[in-house]
Structures are given as C-alpha cells and as structure tokens.
Amino acid sequence: MKNAIILLLAVFFCVEGLGQTTSPKGNQSEAERTVATLLADGGHSPTVGFLDTLVGRLGDGAAVGVIQYLGRRKSTVSEDSTSPDEIRRILYIVRTAFATPRIIEADENRSPNATLVLLKYLSGLSGAGAVKSDLESTINFVEQLKSDSKAPR
C-alpha cells in the first residue's frame, strides 16, 4: 500500500511538471497563449471545447490576447499578414469571449473596450473584404454588448 501511494505521488508530480511552461513563450499572457492555440496553422486548427471555456472566461481579455499575438508576429507597422481565415477565427474568439457574460472572471473584462479597437483594426485589413458579413455581425454583437454594459442595472 505504501509503495502504491509513493508511486501515485511520483506520477502526480511528474504530470504536474509537464504542464509547466519553460519555453521561450513563457512570457506570454494566459490570454495570448489561449488565442495562439486557436489561431495556430493560420486559423485552421480544430477548436477544442475546453479552449472555448477558457476564452469565455476572458471576455475583453481575449481581444488583448489577440492583439498581443498579432503584435508578436509583426516586424513592422505596415505588415499585414492576417489572412481571411485568421480573421474568421478571431471573430469566433470574440463571439465566444462574450457568449456567456456571467462566466467572465474579471469585472474589467465584462465590457468590450479592447474588443472594439480590435474589430476596428480588423475592418481595415485587406483580408476583411472576404469576411465582411461576419465582421459586420460581430461588430453589431459587440456594440450591443457595449450599450448593454452601460445600461443601469
């Protein structure tokens, strides 16, 4: 019995150590790591349910994570390397981040302030034309959230 407990503890601590990040990406925020996973492979990577839950808890922090992620990829201000598929995935991230407002962890992330800035940026990209209707519907969704957050409770 004692050996079994020692074995279980050893396995637990080994598995716990595997989950810790020691890579160069260790200076990324949790939001940036989450959206980077969703934007992997140019926005073509499959989504996993637990990532949706993580994004849903971020609220406006998801937009901050997207901005951080995009900023790390750029070497100049004029560089535009965001594809229509990535824009679609970013819009998915935005909608998921505010799909269930009651699970957003930080109060300051319940209002889509950074999200509005991100959407304005995305609408100016060359790839935005290919996703115009998705972009417009997401902007309308976020603007409605913003006006709802200003309403007295």
N, C-alpha and C. Protein backbone atom coordinates (compact mmCIF):
# COMPACT_ATOMS: atom_id res chain seq x y z
N MET A 1 0.82 -1.19 0.00
CA MET A 1 0.00 0.00 0.00
C MET A 1 0.87 1.26 0.00
N LYS A 2 1.92 1.23 0.83
CA LYS A 2 2.82 2.37 0.92
C LYS A 2 3.50 2.62 -0.43
N ASN A 3 3.91 1.55 -1.09
CA ASN A 3 4.55 1.68 -2.40
C ASN A 3 3.59 2.24 -3.45
N ALA A 4 2.33 1.86 -3.35
CA ALA A 4 1.33 2.35 -4.30
C ALA A 4 1.13 3.86 -4.12
N ILE A 5 1.10 4.32 -2.88
CA ILE A 5 0.94 5.76 -2.61
C ILE A 5 2.14 6.53 -3.12
N ILE A 6 3.33 5.99 -2.88
CA ILE A 6 4.55 6.65 -3.36
C ILE A 6 4.55 6.71 -4.88
N LEU A 7 4.14 5.64 -5.53
CA LEU A 7 4.07 5.61 -6.99
C LEU A 7 3.05 6.65 -7.50
N LEU A 8 1.89 6.71 -6.87
CA LEU A 8 0.88 7.68 -7.28
C LEU A 8 1.39 9.11 -7.11
N LEU A 9 2.07 9.40 -6.02
CA LEU A 9 2.62 10.73 -5.81
C LEU A 9 3.69 11.06 -6.85
N ALA A 10 4.53 10.09 -7.16
CA ALA A 10 5.57 10.31 -8.16
C ALA A 10 4.95 10.61 -9.53
N VAL A 11 3.94 9.87 -9.91
CA VAL A 11 3.26 10.10 -11.18
C VAL A 11 2.60 11.47 -11.18
N PHE A 12 1.94 11.83 -10.07
CA PHE A 12 1.29 13.13 -9.98
C PHE A 12 2.27 14.26 -10.18
N PHE A 13 3.41 14.21 -9.49
CA PHE A 13 4.38 15.30 -9.60
C PHE A 13 5.04 15.34 -10.98
N CYS A 14 5.20 14.20 -11.62
CA CYS A 14 5.74 14.19 -12.99
C CYS A 14 4.75 14.83 -13.96
N VAL A 15 3.49 14.47 -13.85
CA VAL A 15 2.47 15.04 -14.71
C VAL A 15 2.33 16.53 -14.44
N GLU A 16 2.36 16.93 -13.18
CA GLU A 16 2.27 18.35 -12.82
C GLU A 16 3.41 19.12 -13.47
N GLY A 17 4.60 18.58 -13.47
CA GLY A 17 5.75 19.25 -14.06
C GLY A 17 5.65 19.40 -15.56
N LEU A 18 4.98 18.45 -16.22
CA LEU A 18 4.82 18.54 -17.67
C LEU A 18 3.94 19.71 -18.06
N GLY A 19 3.01 20.11 -17.23
CA GLY A 19 2.11 21.19 -17.56
C GLY A 19 2.72 22.57 -17.40
N GLN A 20 3.89 22.67 -16.82
CA GLN A 20 4.51 23.96 -16.59
C GLN A 20 5.31 24.37 -17.82
N THR A 21 5.23 25.64 -18.14
CA THR A 21 5.88 26.16 -19.34
C THR A 21 7.28 26.65 -19.02
N THR A 22 8.25 26.14 -19.77
CA THR A 22 9.61 26.64 -19.63
C THR A 22 10.15 27.07 -20.98
N SER A 23 9.26 27.14 -21.96
CA SER A 23 9.68 27.51 -23.31
C SER A 23 9.85 29.02 -23.42
N PRO A 24 10.39 29.52 -24.53
CA PRO A 24 10.52 30.95 -24.73
C PRO A 24 9.17 31.68 -24.69
N LYS A 25 8.09 30.95 -24.88
CA LYS A 25 6.77 31.56 -24.85
C LYS A 25 6.31 31.81 -23.42
N GLY A 26 7.15 31.53 -22.44
CA GLY A 26 6.80 31.69 -21.05
C GLY A 26 6.45 33.11 -20.66
N ASN A 27 6.82 34.10 -21.47
CA ASN A 27 6.49 35.49 -21.15
C ASN A 27 5.16 35.92 -21.76
N GLN A 28 4.43 35.01 -22.36
CA GLN A 28 3.12 35.31 -22.92
C GLN A 28 2.08 35.32 -21.81
N SER A 29 1.07 36.16 -21.96
CA SER A 29 -0.04 36.14 -21.02
C SER A 29 -0.88 34.88 -21.27
N GLU A 30 -1.69 34.53 -20.31
CA GLU A 30 -2.57 33.37 -20.46
C GLU A 30 -3.52 33.59 -21.64
N ALA A 31 -4.00 34.81 -21.79
CA ALA A 31 -4.90 35.12 -22.91
C ALA A 31 -4.19 34.92 -24.25
N GLU A 32 -2.95 35.38 -24.33
CA GLU A 32 -2.21 35.23 -25.59
C GLU A 32 -1.95 33.76 -25.90
N ARG A 33 -1.60 32.98 -24.90
CA ARG A 33 -1.37 31.55 -25.12
C ARG A 33 -2.64 30.86 -25.61
N THR A 34 -3.77 31.24 -25.02
CA THR A 34 -5.04 30.63 -25.40
C THR A 34 -5.40 30.96 -26.84
N VAL A 35 -5.33 32.23 -27.20
CA VAL A 35 -5.69 32.60 -28.58
C VAL A 35 -4.65 32.10 -29.57
N ALA A 36 -3.39 32.01 -29.16
CA ALA A 36 -2.36 31.48 -30.07
C ALA A 36 -2.68 30.04 -30.43
N THR A 37 -3.19 29.29 -29.47
CA THR A 37 -3.58 27.90 -29.75
C THR A 37 -4.72 27.86 -30.76
N LEU A 38 -5.68 28.76 -30.61
CA LEU A 38 -6.81 28.79 -31.53
C LEU A 38 -6.44 29.32 -32.91
N LEU A 39 -5.43 30.17 -32.97
CA LEU A 39 -5.02 30.74 -34.26
C LEU A 39 -3.89 29.96 -34.93
N ALA A 40 -3.48 28.85 -34.32
CA ALA A 40 -2.41 28.04 -34.90
C ALA A 40 -2.79 27.59 -36.30
N ASP A 41 -1.79 27.40 -37.12
CA ASP A 41 -1.98 26.95 -38.50
C ASP A 41 -2.87 27.90 -39.29
N GLY A 42 -2.68 29.19 -39.09
CA GLY A 42 -3.43 30.18 -39.86
C GLY A 42 -4.92 30.17 -39.60
N GLY A 43 -5.32 29.74 -38.40
CA GLY A 43 -6.74 29.69 -38.07
C GLY A 43 -7.43 28.43 -38.52
N HIS A 44 -6.66 27.45 -38.96
CA HIS A 44 -7.23 26.19 -39.44
C HIS A 44 -7.23 25.07 -38.41
N SER A 45 -6.59 25.30 -37.27
CA SER A 45 -6.52 24.23 -36.27
C SER A 45 -7.91 23.97 -35.70
N PRO A 46 -8.20 22.73 -35.36
CA PRO A 46 -9.53 22.43 -34.81
C PRO A 46 -9.70 23.06 -33.43
N THR A 47 -10.93 23.44 -33.11
CA THR A 47 -11.19 24.00 -31.79
C THR A 47 -11.55 22.87 -30.84
N VAL A 48 -11.21 23.07 -29.59
CA VAL A 48 -11.48 22.09 -28.56
C VAL A 48 -12.35 22.76 -27.51
N GLY A 49 -13.31 22.03 -26.97
CA GLY A 49 -14.28 22.60 -26.04
C GLY A 49 -13.69 23.33 -24.86
N PHE A 50 -12.63 22.78 -24.27
CA PHE A 50 -12.07 23.43 -23.09
C PHE A 50 -11.46 24.78 -23.44
N LEU A 51 -10.99 24.96 -24.68
CA LEU A 51 -10.46 26.26 -25.10
C LEU A 51 -11.59 27.30 -25.18
N ASP A 52 -12.76 26.86 -25.64
CA ASP A 52 -13.91 27.76 -25.67
C ASP A 52 -14.25 28.25 -24.27
N THR A 53 -14.17 27.37 -23.30
CA THR A 53 -14.43 27.75 -21.91
C THR A 53 -13.39 28.75 -21.42
N LEU A 54 -12.12 28.50 -21.75
CA LEU A 54 -11.07 29.44 -21.36
C LEU A 54 -11.29 30.81 -21.98
N VAL A 55 -11.63 30.83 -23.26
CA VAL A 55 -11.88 32.10 -23.96
C VAL A 55 -13.10 32.79 -23.35
N GLY A 56 -14.14 32.02 -23.04
CA GLY A 56 -15.34 32.58 -22.45
C GLY A 56 -15.10 33.25 -21.11
N ARG A 57 -14.11 32.80 -20.39
CA ARG A 57 -13.77 33.40 -19.10
C ARG A 57 -12.94 34.67 -19.27
N LEU A 58 -12.37 34.87 -20.46
CA LEU A 58 -11.50 36.03 -20.69
C LEU A 58 -12.28 37.31 -20.98
N GLY A 59 -13.42 37.21 -21.66
CA GLY A 59 -14.14 38.41 -22.05
C GLY A 59 -13.26 39.31 -22.89
N ASP A 60 -13.15 40.58 -22.48
CA ASP A 60 -12.35 41.56 -23.23
C ASP A 60 -10.87 41.18 -23.23
N GLY A 61 -10.44 40.40 -22.27
CA GLY A 61 -9.05 39.94 -22.23
C GLY A 61 -8.68 39.11 -23.45
N ALA A 62 -9.68 38.49 -24.09
CA ALA A 62 -9.40 37.72 -25.31
C ALA A 62 -8.91 38.64 -26.41
N ALA A 63 -9.50 39.83 -26.52
CA ALA A 63 -9.06 40.80 -27.54
C ALA A 63 -7.63 41.25 -27.24
N VAL A 64 -7.32 41.44 -25.97
CA VAL A 64 -5.95 41.82 -25.59
C VAL A 64 -4.99 40.70 -26.00
N GLY A 65 -5.39 39.46 -25.77
CA GLY A 65 -4.55 38.32 -26.17
C GLY A 65 -4.34 38.26 -27.67
N VAL A 66 -5.39 38.54 -28.44
CA VAL A 66 -5.27 38.55 -29.90
C VAL A 66 -4.31 39.66 -30.34
N ILE A 67 -4.46 40.84 -29.74
CA ILE A 67 -3.58 41.97 -30.09
C ILE A 67 -2.13 41.63 -29.76
N GLN A 68 -1.90 41.02 -28.60
CA GLN A 68 -0.54 40.62 -28.24
C GLN A 68 0.00 39.60 -29.23
N TYR A 69 -0.82 38.63 -29.59
CA TYR A 69 -0.42 37.57 -30.52
C TYR A 69 -0.06 38.17 -31.89
N LEU A 70 -0.93 39.03 -32.41
CA LEU A 70 -0.68 39.64 -33.71
C LEU A 70 0.55 40.55 -33.65
N GLY A 71 0.72 41.26 -32.56
CA GLY A 71 1.87 42.15 -32.40
C GLY A 71 3.19 41.41 -32.39
N ARG A 72 3.23 40.23 -31.82
CA ARG A 72 4.47 39.43 -31.79
C ARG A 72 4.85 38.95 -33.18
N ARG A 73 3.85 38.76 -34.04
CA ARG A 73 4.13 38.26 -35.39
C ARG A 73 4.64 39.34 -36.32
N LYS A 74 4.34 40.58 -36.05
CA LYS A 74 4.69 41.68 -36.95
C LYS A 74 6.08 42.21 -36.67
N SER A 75 6.78 42.55 -37.74
CA SER A 75 8.08 43.19 -37.57
C SER A 75 8.00 44.67 -37.91
N THR A 76 6.93 45.07 -38.64
CA THR A 76 6.71 46.49 -38.96
C THR A 76 5.23 46.80 -38.79
N VAL A 77 4.93 48.08 -38.65
CA VAL A 77 3.54 48.51 -38.50
C VAL A 77 2.74 48.25 -39.76
N SER A 78 3.36 48.41 -40.92
CA SER A 78 2.63 48.27 -42.18
C SER A 78 2.44 46.81 -42.61
N GLU A 79 3.08 45.89 -41.95
CA GLU A 79 2.95 44.48 -42.31
C GLU A 79 1.54 43.98 -42.07
N ASP A 80 0.95 43.35 -43.06
CA ASP A 80 -0.42 42.82 -42.96
C ASP A 80 -0.38 41.35 -43.34
N SER A 81 -0.22 40.50 -42.34
CA SER A 81 -0.11 39.07 -42.61
C SER A 81 -1.30 38.29 -42.07
N THR A 82 -2.41 38.97 -41.80
CA THR A 82 -3.59 38.31 -41.24
C THR A 82 -4.50 37.89 -42.39
N SER A 83 -4.69 36.59 -42.52
CA SER A 83 -5.49 36.04 -43.62
C SER A 83 -6.99 36.12 -43.30
N PRO A 84 -7.84 35.98 -44.31
CA PRO A 84 -9.29 35.94 -44.05
C PRO A 84 -9.68 34.81 -43.09
N ASP A 85 -9.01 33.66 -43.19
CA ASP A 85 -9.30 32.56 -42.26
C ASP A 85 -8.94 32.93 -40.82
N GLU A 86 -7.83 33.62 -40.65
CA GLU A 86 -7.46 34.06 -39.31
C GLU A 86 -8.44 35.10 -38.79
N ILE A 87 -8.89 35.99 -39.66
CA ILE A 87 -9.88 36.98 -39.24
C ILE A 87 -11.16 36.28 -38.80
N ARG A 88 -11.59 35.28 -39.57
CA ARG A 88 -12.77 34.50 -39.19
C ARG A 88 -12.59 33.86 -37.81
N ARG A 89 -11.41 33.31 -37.57
CA ARG A 89 -11.14 32.67 -36.28
C ARG A 89 -11.11 33.72 -35.16
N ILE A 90 -10.56 34.89 -35.43
CA ILE A 90 -10.55 35.95 -34.42
C ILE A 90 -11.98 36.38 -34.11
N LEU A 91 -12.83 36.47 -35.11
CA LEU A 91 -14.23 36.81 -34.88
C LEU A 91 -14.92 35.75 -34.04
N TYR A 92 -14.57 34.50 -34.29
CA TYR A 92 -15.07 33.39 -33.48
C TYR A 92 -14.62 33.56 -32.02
N ILE A 93 -13.37 33.91 -31.83
CA ILE A 93 -12.83 34.14 -30.49
C ILE A 93 -13.60 35.25 -29.79
N VAL A 94 -13.85 36.35 -30.51
CA VAL A 94 -14.58 37.49 -29.93
C VAL A 94 -15.99 37.07 -29.51
N ARG A 95 -16.69 36.38 -30.39
CA ARG A 95 -18.06 35.96 -30.06
C ARG A 95 -18.07 34.98 -28.90
N THR A 96 -17.10 34.08 -28.87
CA THR A 96 -17.01 33.11 -27.78
C THR A 96 -16.68 33.80 -26.46
N ALA A 97 -15.83 34.82 -26.52
CA ALA A 97 -15.42 35.53 -25.31
C ALA A 97 -16.59 36.20 -24.60
N PHE A 98 -17.63 36.55 -25.35
CA PHE A 98 -18.78 37.23 -24.75
C PHE A 98 -20.07 36.42 -24.85
N ALA A 99 -19.97 35.16 -25.21
CA ALA A 99 -21.16 34.33 -25.37
C ALA A 99 -21.90 34.11 -24.06
N THR A 100 -21.17 33.99 -22.96
CA THR A 100 -21.76 33.77 -21.65
C THR A 100 -21.15 34.77 -20.67
N PRO A 101 -21.64 35.99 -20.65
CA PRO A 101 -21.00 37.04 -19.84
C PRO A 101 -20.86 36.70 -18.35
N ARG A 102 -21.75 35.90 -17.80
CA ARG A 102 -21.68 35.61 -16.37
C ARG A 102 -20.45 34.81 -15.98
N ILE A 103 -19.76 34.14 -16.94
CA ILE A 103 -18.57 33.37 -16.58
C ILE A 103 -17.27 34.16 -16.76
N ILE A 104 -17.37 35.40 -17.23
CA ILE A 104 -16.17 36.23 -17.39
C ILE A 104 -15.62 36.51 -15.99
N GLU A 105 -14.37 36.16 -15.79
CA GLU A 105 -13.80 36.19 -14.45
C GLU A 105 -13.54 37.59 -13.91
N ALA A 106 -12.93 38.47 -14.68
CA ALA A 106 -12.57 39.80 -14.19
C ALA A 106 -13.64 40.82 -14.58
N ASP A 107 -14.07 41.60 -13.61
CA ASP A 107 -15.11 42.61 -13.88
C ASP A 107 -14.70 43.57 -14.99
N GLU A 108 -13.42 43.95 -15.03
CA GLU A 108 -12.97 44.91 -16.05
C GLU A 108 -13.02 44.32 -17.46
N ASN A 109 -13.18 43.01 -17.59
CA ASN A 109 -13.24 42.37 -18.91
C ASN A 109 -14.67 42.11 -19.37
N ARG A 110 -15.64 42.59 -18.61
CA ARG A 110 -17.05 42.39 -18.99
C ARG A 110 -17.52 43.39 -20.05
N SER A 111 -16.83 44.51 -20.18
CA SER A 111 -17.16 45.50 -21.20
C SER A 111 -16.15 45.39 -22.34
N PRO A 112 -16.62 45.34 -23.59
CA PRO A 112 -15.73 45.07 -24.73
C PRO A 112 -14.94 46.27 -25.25
N ASN A 113 -14.16 46.89 -24.39
CA ASN A 113 -13.40 48.09 -24.79
C ASN A 113 -12.29 47.76 -25.79
N ALA A 114 -11.39 46.86 -25.43
CA ALA A 114 -10.30 46.47 -26.33
C ALA A 114 -10.85 45.73 -27.55
N THR A 115 -11.96 45.05 -27.37
CA THR A 115 -12.57 44.30 -28.47
C THR A 115 -13.02 45.24 -29.59
N LEU A 116 -13.56 46.39 -29.22
CA LEU A 116 -13.98 47.36 -30.24
C LEU A 116 -12.78 47.87 -31.02
N VAL A 117 -11.67 48.10 -30.34
CA VAL A 117 -10.44 48.56 -31.02
C VAL A 117 -9.94 47.46 -31.96
N LEU A 118 -9.95 46.23 -31.49
CA LEU A 118 -9.52 45.10 -32.33
C LEU A 118 -10.40 44.98 -33.58
N LEU A 119 -11.70 45.09 -33.42
CA LEU A 119 -12.60 44.98 -34.57
C LEU A 119 -12.38 46.12 -35.56
N LYS A 120 -12.12 47.31 -35.07
CA LYS A 120 -11.81 48.45 -35.95
C LYS A 120 -10.53 48.15 -36.74
N TYR A 121 -9.51 47.61 -36.06
CA TYR A 121 -8.27 47.24 -36.74
C TYR A 121 -8.54 46.18 -37.81
N LEU A 122 -9.28 45.14 -37.46
CA LEU A 122 -9.56 44.05 -38.40
C LEU A 122 -10.31 44.56 -39.63
N SER A 123 -11.22 45.50 -39.42
CA SER A 123 -12.01 46.00 -40.55
C SER A 123 -11.16 46.76 -41.56
N GLY A 124 -9.99 47.22 -41.17
CA GLY A 124 -9.11 47.93 -42.08
C GLY A 124 -8.11 47.04 -42.81
N LEU A 125 -8.08 45.76 -42.49
CA LEU A 125 -7.14 44.83 -43.14
C LEU A 125 -7.61 44.47 -44.55
N SER A 126 -6.66 44.15 -45.39
CA SER A 126 -7.00 43.79 -46.78
C SER A 126 -7.85 42.52 -46.84
N GLY A 127 -7.67 41.60 -45.92
CA GLY A 127 -8.44 40.35 -45.92
C GLY A 127 -9.84 40.50 -45.38
N ALA A 128 -10.19 41.68 -44.86
CA ALA A 128 -11.51 41.89 -44.25
C ALA A 128 -12.65 41.83 -45.26
N GLY A 129 -12.37 42.16 -46.50
CA GLY A 129 -13.42 42.14 -47.52
C GLY A 129 -14.03 40.76 -47.70
N ALA A 130 -13.22 39.74 -47.54
CA ALA A 130 -13.69 38.37 -47.73
C ALA A 130 -14.59 37.90 -46.59
N VAL A 131 -14.57 38.60 -45.48
CA VAL A 131 -15.36 38.19 -44.31
C VAL A 131 -16.26 39.34 -43.84
N LYS A 132 -16.63 40.19 -44.77
CA LYS A 132 -17.36 41.42 -44.43
C LYS A 132 -18.62 41.16 -43.62
N SER A 133 -19.44 40.22 -44.02
CA SER A 133 -20.71 39.99 -43.31
C SER A 133 -20.45 39.45 -41.90
N ASP A 134 -19.48 38.54 -41.74
CA ASP A 134 -19.12 38.04 -40.41
C ASP A 134 -18.61 39.18 -39.53
N LEU A 135 -17.79 40.03 -40.11
CA LEU A 135 -17.21 41.15 -39.38
C LEU A 135 -18.31 42.12 -38.94
N GLU A 136 -19.22 42.44 -39.84
CA GLU A 136 -20.31 43.36 -39.51
C GLU A 136 -21.21 42.79 -38.42
N SER A 137 -21.55 41.50 -38.51
CA SER A 137 -22.43 40.92 -37.49
C SER A 137 -21.73 40.87 -36.13
N THR A 138 -20.43 40.62 -36.14
CA THR A 138 -19.68 40.60 -34.88
C THR A 138 -19.58 42.01 -34.29
N ILE A 139 -19.35 43.00 -35.13
CA ILE A 139 -19.32 44.39 -34.66
C ILE A 139 -20.67 44.76 -34.04
N ASN A 140 -21.77 44.41 -34.70
CA ASN A 140 -23.10 44.70 -34.16
C ASN A 140 -23.31 44.01 -32.81
N PHE A 141 -22.88 42.74 -32.71
CA PHE A 141 -22.99 41.98 -31.47
C PHE A 141 -22.23 42.67 -30.34
N VAL A 142 -21.00 43.09 -30.62
CA VAL A 142 -20.15 43.72 -29.61
C VAL A 142 -20.67 45.11 -29.24
N GLU A 143 -21.13 45.88 -30.22
CA GLU A 143 -21.69 47.19 -29.90
C GLU A 143 -22.94 47.07 -29.03
N GLN A 144 -23.72 46.03 -29.26
CA GLN A 144 -24.90 45.79 -28.41
C GLN A 144 -24.45 45.45 -26.98
N LEU A 145 -23.42 44.64 -26.86
CA LEU A 145 -22.87 44.32 -25.54
C LEU A 145 -22.40 45.57 -24.83
N LYS A 146 -21.72 46.45 -25.57
CA LYS A 146 -21.19 47.69 -25.00
C LYS A 146 -22.34 48.56 -24.49
N SER A 147 -23.39 48.69 -25.30
CA SER A 147 -24.52 49.53 -24.85
C SER A 147 -25.25 48.88 -23.68
N ASP A 148 -25.33 47.55 -23.67
CA ASP A 148 -25.95 46.85 -22.54
C ASP A 148 -25.14 47.03 -21.25
N SER A 149 -23.81 47.07 -21.39
CA SER A 149 -22.97 47.22 -20.19
C SER A 149 -23.06 48.62 -19.60
N LYS A 150 -23.48 49.60 -20.41
CA LYS A 150 -23.66 50.96 -19.92
C LYS A 150 -25.02 51.18 -19.28
N ALA A 151 -25.98 50.30 -19.59
CA ALA A 151 -27.34 50.45 -19.07
C ALA A 151 -27.33 50.26 -17.56
N PRO A 152 -28.16 51.04 -16.83
CA PRO A 152 -28.23 50.87 -15.37
C PRO A 152 -28.81 49.51 -15.03
N ARG A 153 -28.34 48.98 -13.92
CA ARG A 153 -28.81 47.64 -13.50
C ARG A 153 -29.71 47.72 -12.33
